Amino acid sequence: MSLKYLRYKQRAREKLRSEDGYALSVRRMIEPESVFGQIKNNRGSRRFLLRGLPKVSLEVGWISLAHNLLKKAAIDQKAEMVVQG
């Protein structure tokens, strides 16, 4: 291994062991899990309908897009209700 790689690795380790780095890493561990759970349970997407990596990648993109658009619509609707109420 190169010396430059070892320095980067040591610097990253120090950042992760800091208080802020630990809080960020814990948050990163939790965040994606809820998204996949919502997509599987709430959106009913448990299996890929297509076969092959390019098609599956496209399908994941569509599922993610739909999830994000529905999430944005819910946030906008909630904000509009606050303004009206």
PDB file of N, CA and C in Angstrom:
ATOM      1  N   MET A   1       0.838  -1.184   0.000  1.00  0.00           N
ATOM      2  CA  MET A   1       0.000   0.000   0.000  1.00  0.00           C
ATOM      3  C   MET A   1       0.878   1.241   0.000  1.00  0.00           C
ATOM      4  N   SER A   2       0.377   2.235  -0.656  1.00  0.00           N
ATOM      5  CA  SER A   2       1.165   3.457  -0.732  1.00  0.00           C
ATOM      6  C   SER A   2       1.015   4.272   0.542  1.00  0.00           C
ATOM      7  N   LEU A   3       1.996   5.118   0.767  1.00  0.00           N
ATOM      8  CA  LEU A   3       1.989   5.972   1.942  1.00  0.00           C
ATOM      9  C   LEU A   3       0.834   6.972   1.892  1.00  0.00           C
ATOM     10  N   LYS A   4       0.531   7.458   0.681  1.00  0.00           N
ATOM     11  CA  LYS A   4      -0.559   8.412   0.511  1.00  0.00           C
ATOM     12  C   LYS A   4      -1.897   7.771   0.897  1.00  0.00           C
ATOM     13  N   TYR A   5      -2.105   6.525   0.484  1.00  0.00           N
ATOM     14  CA  TYR A   5      -3.328   5.800   0.818  1.00  0.00           C
ATOM     15  C   TYR A   5      -3.461   5.634   2.330  1.00  0.00           C
ATOM     16  N   LEU A   6      -2.363   5.276   2.977  1.00  0.00           N
ATOM     17  CA  LEU A   6      -2.396   5.075   4.433  1.00  0.00           C
ATOM     18  C   LEU A   6      -2.713   6.379   5.170  1.00  0.00           C
ATOM     19  N   ARG A   7      -2.196   7.509   4.660  1.00  0.00           N
ATOM     20  CA  ARG A   7      -2.503   8.806   5.279  1.00  0.00           C
ATOM     21  C   ARG A   7      -3.987   9.135   5.137  1.00  0.00           C
ATOM     22  N   TYR A   8      -4.548   8.912   3.934  1.00  0.00           N
ATOM     23  CA  TYR A   8      -5.979   9.154   3.725  1.00  0.00           C
ATOM     24  C   TYR A   8      -6.819   8.268   4.645  1.00  0.00           C
ATOM     25  N   LYS A   9      -6.405   7.023   4.748  1.00  0.00           N
ATOM     26  CA  LYS A   9      -7.127   6.072   5.581  1.00  0.00           C
ATOM     27  C   LYS A   9      -7.089   6.504   7.051  1.00  0.00           C
ATOM     28  N   GLN A  10      -5.929   6.937   7.514  1.00  0.00           N
ATOM     29  CA  GLN A  10      -5.783   7.395   8.899  1.00  0.00           C
ATOM     30  C   GLN A  10      -6.619   8.657   9.144  1.00  0.00           C
ATOM     31  N   ARG A  11      -6.616   9.571   8.193  1.00  0.00           N
ATOM     32  CA  ARG A  11      -7.398  10.804   8.328  1.00  0.00           C
ATOM     33  C   ARG A  11      -8.896  10.495   8.389  1.00  0.00           C
ATOM     34  N   ALA A  12      -9.348   9.581   7.546  1.00  0.00           N
ATOM     35  CA  ALA A  12     -10.759   9.191   7.552  1.00  0.00           C
ATOM     36  C   ALA A  12     -11.130   8.521   8.869  1.00  0.00           C
ATOM     37  N   ARG A  13     -10.248   7.683   9.378  1.00  0.00           N
ATOM     38  CA  ARG A  13     -10.490   7.009  10.654  1.00  0.00           C
ATOM     39  C   ARG A  13     -10.602   8.022  11.789  1.00  0.00           C
ATOM     40  N   GLU A  14      -9.739   9.032  11.779  1.00  0.00           N
ATOM     41  CA  GLU A  14      -9.794  10.070  12.810  1.00  0.00           C
ATOM     42  C   GLU A  14     -11.102  10.859  12.742  1.00  0.00           C
ATOM     43  N   LYS A  15     -11.541  11.172  11.524  1.00  0.00           N
ATOM     44  CA  LYS A  15     -12.801  11.898  11.369  1.00  0.00           C
ATOM     45  C   LYS A  15     -13.979  11.069  11.862  1.00  0.00           C
ATOM     46  N   LEU A  16     -13.984   9.779  11.553  1.00  0.00           N
ATOM     47  CA  LEU A  16     -15.081   8.915  11.980  1.00  0.00           C
ATOM     48  C   LEU A  16     -15.100   8.735  13.496  1.00  0.00           C
ATOM     49  N   ARG A  17     -13.949   8.777  14.117  1.00  0.00           N
ATOM     50  CA  ARG A  17     -13.884   8.595  15.573  1.00  0.00           C
ATOM     51  C   ARG A  17     -14.202   9.870  16.344  1.00  0.00           C
ATOM     52  N   SER A  18     -14.254  11.000  15.651  1.00  0.00           N
ATOM     53  CA  SER A  18     -14.624  12.237  16.326  1.00  0.00           C
ATOM     54  C   SER A  18     -16.114  12.190  16.654  1.00  0.00           C
ATOM     55  N   GLU A  19     -16.562  13.107  17.510  1.00  0.00           N
ATOM     56  CA  GLU A  19     -17.967  13.132  17.899  1.00  0.00           C
ATOM     57  C   GLU A  19     -18.881  13.375  16.698  1.00  0.00           C
ATOM     58  N   ASP A  20     -18.530  14.363  15.872  1.00  0.00           N
ATOM     59  CA  ASP A  20     -19.343  14.670  14.697  1.00  0.00           C
ATOM     60  C   ASP A  20     -19.338  13.520  13.697  1.00  0.00           C
ATOM     61  N   GLY A  21     -18.185  12.921  13.508  1.00  0.00           N
ATOM     62  CA  GLY A  21     -18.078  11.814  12.565  1.00  0.00           C
ATOM     63  C   GLY A  21     -18.889  10.612  12.999  1.00  0.00           C
ATOM     64  N   TYR A  22     -18.881  10.340  14.295  1.00  0.00           N
ATOM     65  CA  TYR A  22     -19.659   9.215  14.818  1.00  0.00           C
ATOM     66  C   TYR A  22     -21.156   9.468  14.626  1.00  0.00           C
ATOM     67  N   ALA A  23     -21.595  10.684  14.926  1.00  0.00           N
ATOM     68  CA  ALA A  23     -23.014  11.029  14.762  1.00  0.00           C
ATOM     69  C   ALA A  23     -23.433  10.888  13.299  1.00  0.00           C
ATOM     70  N   LEU A  24     -22.575  11.319  12.389  1.00  0.00           N
ATOM     71  CA  LEU A  24     -22.874  11.211  10.963  1.00  0.00           C
ATOM     72  C   LEU A  24     -22.938   9.750  10.524  1.00  0.00           C
ATOM     73  N   SER A  25     -22.011   8.934  10.979  1.00  0.00           N
ATOM     74  CA  SER A  25     -22.003   7.530  10.569  1.00  0.00           C
ATOM     75  C   SER A  25     -23.208   6.782  11.117  1.00  0.00           C
ATOM     76  N   VAL A  26     -23.634   7.116  12.329  1.00  0.00           N
ATOM     77  CA  VAL A  26     -24.826   6.481  12.897  1.00  0.00           C
ATOM     78  C   VAL A  26     -26.053   6.875  12.091  1.00  0.00           C
ATOM     79  N   ARG A  27     -26.148   8.156  11.718  1.00  0.00           N
ATOM     80  CA  ARG A  27     -27.280   8.627  10.929  1.00  0.00           C
ATOM     81  C   ARG A  27     -27.298   7.962   9.552  1.00  0.00           C
ATOM     82  N   ARG A  28     -26.147   7.783   8.964  1.00  0.00           N
ATOM     83  CA  ARG A  28     -26.066   7.149   7.647  1.00  0.00           C
ATOM     84  C   ARG A  28     -26.514   5.700   7.698  1.00  0.00           C
ATOM     85  N   MET A  29     -26.259   5.025   8.813  1.00  0.00           N
ATOM     86  CA  MET A  29     -26.659   3.630   8.938  1.00  0.00           C
ATOM     87  C   MET A  29     -28.171   3.489   8.978  1.00  0.00           C
ATOM     88  N   ILE A  30     -28.849   4.453   9.541  1.00  0.00           N
ATOM     89  CA  ILE A  30     -30.285   4.350   9.766  1.00  0.00           C
ATOM     90  C   ILE A  30     -31.081   4.845   8.568  1.00  0.00           C
ATOM     91  N   GLU A  31     -30.676   5.922   7.943  1.00  0.00           N
ATOM     92  CA  GLU A  31     -31.472   6.587   6.912  1.00  0.00           C
ATOM     93  C   GLU A  31     -31.920   5.684   5.761  1.00  0.00           C
ATOM     94  N   PRO A  32     -31.041   4.971   5.084  1.00  0.00           N
ATOM     95  CA  PRO A  32     -31.488   4.201   3.912  1.00  0.00           C
ATOM     96  C   PRO A  32     -32.447   3.072   4.263  1.00  0.00           C
ATOM     97  N   GLU A  33     -32.331   2.533   5.458  1.00  0.00           N
ATOM     98  CA  GLU A  33     -33.162   1.398   5.837  1.00  0.00           C
ATOM     99  C   GLU A  33     -34.645   1.734   5.758  1.00  0.00           C
ATOM    100  N   SER A  34     -35.040   2.911   6.212  1.00  0.00           N
ATOM    101  CA  SER A  34     -36.453   3.273   6.195  1.00  0.00           C
ATOM    102  C   SER A  34     -36.960   3.452   4.767  1.00  0.00           C
ATOM    103  N   VAL A  35     -36.124   3.953   3.894  1.00  0.00           N
ATOM    104  CA  VAL A  35     -36.535   4.137   2.500  1.00  0.00           C
ATOM    105  C   VAL A  35     -36.841   2.795   1.852  1.00  0.00           C
ATOM    106  N   PHE A  36     -35.966   1.819   2.038  1.00  0.00           N
ATOM    107  CA  PHE A  36     -36.194   0.504   1.447  1.00  0.00           C
ATOM    108  C   PHE A  36     -37.429  -0.151   2.053  1.00  0.00           C
ATOM    109  N   GLY A  37     -37.633   0.048   3.347  1.00  0.00           N
ATOM    110  CA  GLY A  37     -38.824  -0.491   4.004  1.00  0.00           C
ATOM    111  C   GLY A  37     -40.090   0.130   3.447  1.00  0.00           C
ATOM    112  N   GLN A  38     -40.081   1.443   3.231  1.00  0.00           N
ATOM    113  CA  GLN A  38     -41.259   2.111   2.661  1.00  0.00           C
ATOM    114  C   GLN A  38     -41.520   1.647   1.233  1.00  0.00           C
ATOM    115  N   ILE A  39     -40.471   1.497   0.464  1.00  0.00           N
ATOM    116  CA  ILE A  39     -40.638   1.050  -0.922  1.00  0.00           C
ATOM    117  C   ILE A  39     -41.193  -0.371  -0.955  1.00  0.00           C
ATOM    118  N   LYS A  40     -40.707  -1.220  -0.070  1.00  0.00           N
ATOM    119  CA  LYS A  40     -41.166  -2.602  -0.063  1.00  0.00           C
ATOM    120  C   LYS A  40     -42.585  -2.738   0.486  1.00  0.00           C
ATOM    121  N   ASN A  41     -42.850  -2.123   1.624  1.00  0.00           N
ATOM    122  CA  ASN A  41     -44.151  -2.313   2.271  1.00  0.00           C
ATOM    123  C   ASN A  41     -45.221  -1.369   1.747  1.00  0.00           C
ATOM    124  N   ASN A  42     -44.935  -0.084   1.686  1.00  0.00           N
ATOM    125  CA  ASN A  42     -45.953   0.893   1.309  1.00  0.00           C
ATOM    126  C   ASN A  42     -46.189   0.953  -0.191  1.00  0.00           C
ATOM    127  N   ARG A  43     -45.156   0.756  -0.959  1.00  0.00           N
ATOM    128  CA  ARG A  43     -45.289   0.857  -2.416  1.00  0.00           C
ATOM    129  C   ARG A  43     -45.498  -0.511  -3.065  1.00  0.00           C
ATOM    130  N   GLY A  44     -45.325  -1.583  -2.312  1.00  0.00           N
ATOM    131  CA  GLY A  44     -45.578  -2.925  -2.832  1.00  0.00           C
ATOM    132  C   GLY A  44     -44.544  -3.422  -3.817  1.00  0.00           C
ATOM    133  N   SER A  45     -43.355  -2.883  -3.764  1.00  0.00           N
ATOM    134  CA  SER A  45     -42.310  -3.290  -4.699  1.00  0.00           C
ATOM    135  C   SER A  45     -41.364  -4.268  -4.004  1.00  0.00           C
ATOM    136  N   ARG A  46     -41.673  -5.539  -4.115  1.00  0.00           N
ATOM    137  CA  ARG A  46     -40.869  -6.556  -3.433  1.00  0.00           C
ATOM    138  C   ARG A  46     -39.957  -7.332  -4.391  1.00  0.00           C
ATOM    139  N   ARG A  47     -40.279  -7.299  -5.678  1.00  0.00           N
ATOM    140  CA  ARG A  47     -39.481  -8.030  -6.671  1.00  0.00           C
ATOM    141  C   ARG A  47     -39.273  -7.162  -7.893  1.00  0.00           C
ATOM    142  N   PHE A  48     -38.196  -7.421  -8.569  1.00  0.00           N
ATOM    143  CA  PHE A  48     -37.981  -6.752  -9.845  1.00  0.00           C
ATOM    144  C   PHE A  48     -38.809  -7.468 -10.914  1.00  0.00           C
ATOM    145  N   LEU A  49     -39.408  -6.696 -11.765  1.00  0.00           N
ATOM    146  CA  LEU A  49     -40.236  -7.262 -12.818  1.00  0.00           C
ATOM    147  C   LEU A  49     -39.411  -7.605 -14.050  1.00  0.00           C
ATOM    148  N   LEU A  50     -38.252  -6.982 -14.178  1.00  0.00           N
ATOM    149  CA  LEU A  50     -37.409  -7.171 -15.348  1.00  0.00           C
ATOM    150  C   LEU A  50     -36.158  -7.959 -14.982  1.00  0.00           C
ATOM    151  N   ARG A  51     -35.470  -8.446 -15.986  1.00  0.00           N
ATOM    152  CA  ARG A  51     -34.232  -9.199 -15.784  1.00  0.00           C
ATOM    153  C   ARG A  51     -33.092  -8.510 -16.511  1.00  0.00           C
ATOM    154  N   GLY A  52     -31.903  -8.633 -15.949  1.00  0.00           N
ATOM    155  CA  GLY A  52     -30.715  -8.024 -16.540  1.00  0.00           C
ATOM    156  C   GLY A  52     -30.374  -6.736 -15.821  1.00  0.00           C
ATOM    157  N   LEU A  53     -29.088  -6.516 -15.608  1.00  0.00           N
ATOM    158  CA  LEU A  53     -28.636  -5.359 -14.834  1.00  0.00           C
ATOM    159  C   LEU A  53     -29.095  -4.023 -15.402  1.00  0.00           C
ATOM    160  N   PRO A  54     -29.009  -3.775 -16.710  1.00  0.00           N
ATOM    161  CA  PRO A  54     -29.476  -2.477 -17.219  1.00  0.00           C
ATOM    162  C   PRO A  54     -30.967  -2.240 -16.965  1.00  0.00           C
ATOM    163  N   LYS A  55     -31.769  -3.289 -17.132  1.00  0.00           N
ATOM    164  CA  LYS A  55     -33.210  -3.151 -16.925  1.00  0.00           C
ATOM    165  C   LYS A  55     -33.537  -2.989 -15.440  1.00  0.00           C
ATOM    166  N   VAL A  56     -32.846  -3.720 -14.587  1.00  0.00           N
ATOM    167  CA  VAL A  56     -33.069  -3.603 -13.141  1.00  0.00           C
ATOM    168  C   VAL A  56     -32.643  -2.220 -12.663  1.00  0.00           C
ATOM    169  N   SER A  57     -31.544  -1.711 -13.186  1.00  0.00           N
ATOM    170  CA  SER A  57     -31.097  -0.361 -12.828  1.00  0.00           C
ATOM    171  C   SER A  57     -32.150   0.669 -13.212  1.00  0.00           C
ATOM    172  N   LEU A  58     -32.732   0.502 -14.381  1.00  0.00           N
ATOM    173  CA  LEU A  58     -33.793   1.404 -14.832  1.00  0.00           C
ATOM    174  C   LEU A  58     -35.015   1.290 -13.924  1.00  0.00           C
ATOM    175  N   GLU A  59     -35.361   0.070 -13.552  1.00  0.00           N
ATOM    176  CA  GLU A  59     -36.513  -0.141 -12.683  1.00  0.00           C
ATOM    177  C   GLU A  59     -36.293   0.483 -11.303  1.00  0.00           C
ATOM    178  N   VAL A  60     -35.106   0.325 -10.758  1.00  0.00           N
ATOM    179  CA  VAL A  60     -34.784   0.951  -9.475  1.00  0.00           C
ATOM    180  C   VAL A  60     -34.881   2.467  -9.593  1.00  0.00           C
ATOM    181  N   GLY A  61     -34.434   2.999 -10.710  1.00  0.00           N
ATOM    182  CA  GLY A  61     -34.533   4.439 -10.937  1.00  0.00           C
ATOM    183  C   GLY A  61     -35.972   4.914 -10.950  1.00  0.00           C
ATOM    184  N   TRP A  62     -36.851   4.176 -11.631  1.00  0.00           N
ATOM    185  CA  TRP A  62     -38.265   4.543 -11.682  1.00  0.00           C
ATOM    186  C   TRP A  62     -38.908   4.450 -10.302  1.00  0.00           C
ATOM    187  N   ILE A  63     -38.592   3.385  -9.573  1.00  0.00           N
ATOM    188  CA  ILE A  63     -39.144   3.208  -8.225  1.00  0.00           C
ATOM    189  C   ILE A  63     -38.679   4.333  -7.312  1.00  0.00           C
ATOM    190  N   SER A  64     -37.399   4.683  -7.399  1.00  0.00           N
ATOM    191  CA  SER A  64     -36.854   5.764  -6.571  1.00  0.00           C
ATOM    192  C   SER A  64     -37.470   7.105  -6.945  1.00  0.00           C
ATOM    193  N   LEU A  65     -37.635   7.335  -8.233  1.00  0.00           N
ATOM    194  CA  LEU A  65     -38.258   8.573  -8.696  1.00  0.00           C
ATOM    195  C   LEU A  65     -39.685   8.693  -8.174  1.00  0.00           C
ATOM    196  N   ALA A  66     -40.445   7.612  -8.283  1.00  0.00           N
ATOM    197  CA  ALA A  66     -41.826   7.618  -7.788  1.00  0.00           C
ATOM    198  C   ALA A  66     -41.852   7.866  -6.283  1.00  0.00           C
ATOM    199  N   HIS A  67     -40.965   7.218  -5.554  1.00  0.00           N
ATOM    200  CA  HIS A  67     -40.899   7.406  -4.104  1.00  0.00           C
ATOM    201  C   HIS A  67     -40.602   8.865  -3.753  1.00  0.00           C
ATOM    202  N   ASN A  68     -39.622   9.447  -4.426  1.00  0.00           N
ATOM    203  CA  ASN A  68     -39.246  10.832  -4.134  1.00  0.00           C
ATOM    204  C   ASN A  68     -40.336  11.820  -4.531  1.00  0.00           C
ATOM    205  N   LEU A  69     -41.007  11.585  -5.653  1.00  0.00           N
ATOM    206  CA  LEU A  69     -42.085  12.474  -6.073  1.00  0.00           C
ATOM    207  C   LEU A  69     -43.268  12.410  -5.108  1.00  0.00           C
ATOM    208  N   LEU A  70     -43.619  11.209  -4.664  1.00  0.00           N
ATOM    209  CA  LEU A  70     -44.707  11.074  -3.700  1.00  0.00           C
ATOM    210  C   LEU A  70     -44.346  11.719  -2.366  1.00  0.00           C
ATOM    211  N   LYS A  71     -43.098  11.586  -1.973  1.00  0.00           N
ATOM    212  CA  LYS A  71     -42.627  12.214  -0.739  1.00  0.00           C
ATOM    213  C   LYS A  71     -42.684  13.739  -0.856  1.00  0.00           C
ATOM    214  N   LYS A  72     -42.246  14.276  -1.989  1.00  0.00           N
ATOM    215  CA  LYS A  72     -42.284  15.720  -2.232  1.00  0.00           C
ATOM    216  C   LYS A  72     -43.720  16.231  -2.245  1.00  0.00           C
ATOM    217  N   ALA A  73     -44.631  15.488  -2.874  1.00  0.00           N
ATOM    218  CA  ALA A  73     -46.038  15.885  -2.921  1.00  0.00           C
ATOM    219  C   ALA A  73     -46.638  15.926  -1.519  1.00  0.00           C
ATOM    220  N   ALA A  74     -46.287  14.957  -0.672  1.00  0.00           N
ATOM    221  CA  ALA A  74     -46.795  14.938   0.704  1.00  0.00           C
ATOM    222  C   ALA A  74     -46.266  16.134   1.494  1.00  0.00           C
ATOM    223  N   ILE A  75     -45.000  16.471   1.292  1.00  0.00           N
ATOM    224  CA  ILE A  75     -44.413  17.615   1.990  1.00  0.00           C
ATOM    225  C   ILE A  75     -45.077  18.906   1.524  1.00  0.00           C
ATOM    226  N   ASP A  76     -45.274  19.047   0.223  1.00  0.00           N
ATOM    227  CA  ASP A  76     -45.931  20.245  -0.324  1.00  0.00           C
ATOM    228  C   ASP A  76     -47.360  20.374   0.185  1.00  0.00           C
ATOM    229  N   GLN A  77     -48.076  19.251   0.234  1.00  0.00           N
ATOM    230  CA  GLN A  77     -49.452  19.268   0.710  1.00  0.00           C
ATOM    231  C   GLN A  77     -49.514  19.673   2.180  1.00  0.00           C
ATOM    232  N   LYS A  78     -48.586  19.159   2.971  1.00  0.00           N
ATOM    233  CA  LYS A  78     -48.534  19.505   4.390  1.00  0.00           C
ATOM    234  C   LYS A  78     -48.232  20.988   4.572  1.00  0.00           C
ATOM    235  N   ALA A  79     -47.309  21.511   3.775  1.00  0.00           N
ATOM    236  CA  ALA A  79     -46.965  22.932   3.846  1.00  0.00           C
ATOM    237  C   ALA A  79     -48.138  23.803   3.434  1.00  0.00           C
ATOM    238  N   GLU A  80     -48.897  23.371   2.428  1.00  0.00           N
ATOM    239  CA  GLU A  80     -50.051  24.144   1.976  1.00  0.00           C
ATOM    240  C   GLU A  80     -51.150  24.162   3.035  1.00  0.00           C
ATOM    241  N   MET A  81     -51.303  23.062   3.744  1.00  0.00           N
ATOM    242  CA  MET A  81     -52.309  23.006   4.813  1.00  0.00           C
ATOM    243  C   MET A  81     -51.943  23.947   5.955  1.00  0.00           C
ATOM    244  N   VAL A  82     -50.653  24.070   6.244  1.00  0.00           N
ATOM    245  CA  VAL A  82     -50.189  24.980   7.293  1.00  0.00           C
ATOM    246  C   VAL A  82     -50.488  26.419   6.917  1.00  0.00           C
ATOM    247  N   VAL A  83     -50.252  26.756   5.638  1.00  0.00           N
ATOM    248  CA  VAL A  83     -50.499  28.108   5.157  1.00  0.00           C
ATOM    249  C   VAL A  83     -51.991  28.440   5.204  1.00  0.00           C
ATOM    250  N   GLN A  84     -52.828  27.480   4.808  1.00  0.00           N
ATOM    251  CA  GLN A  84     -54.274  27.707   4.786  1.00  0.00           C
ATOM    252  C   GLN A  84     -54.867  27.744   6.190  1.00  0.00           C
ATOM    253  N   GLY A  85     -54.348  26.912   7.067  1.00  0.00           N
ATOM    254  CA  GLY A  85     -54.932  26.762   8.410  1.00  0.00           C
ATOM    255  C   GLY A  85     -54.469  27.793   9.326  1.00  0.00           C
TER     256      GLY A  85
END
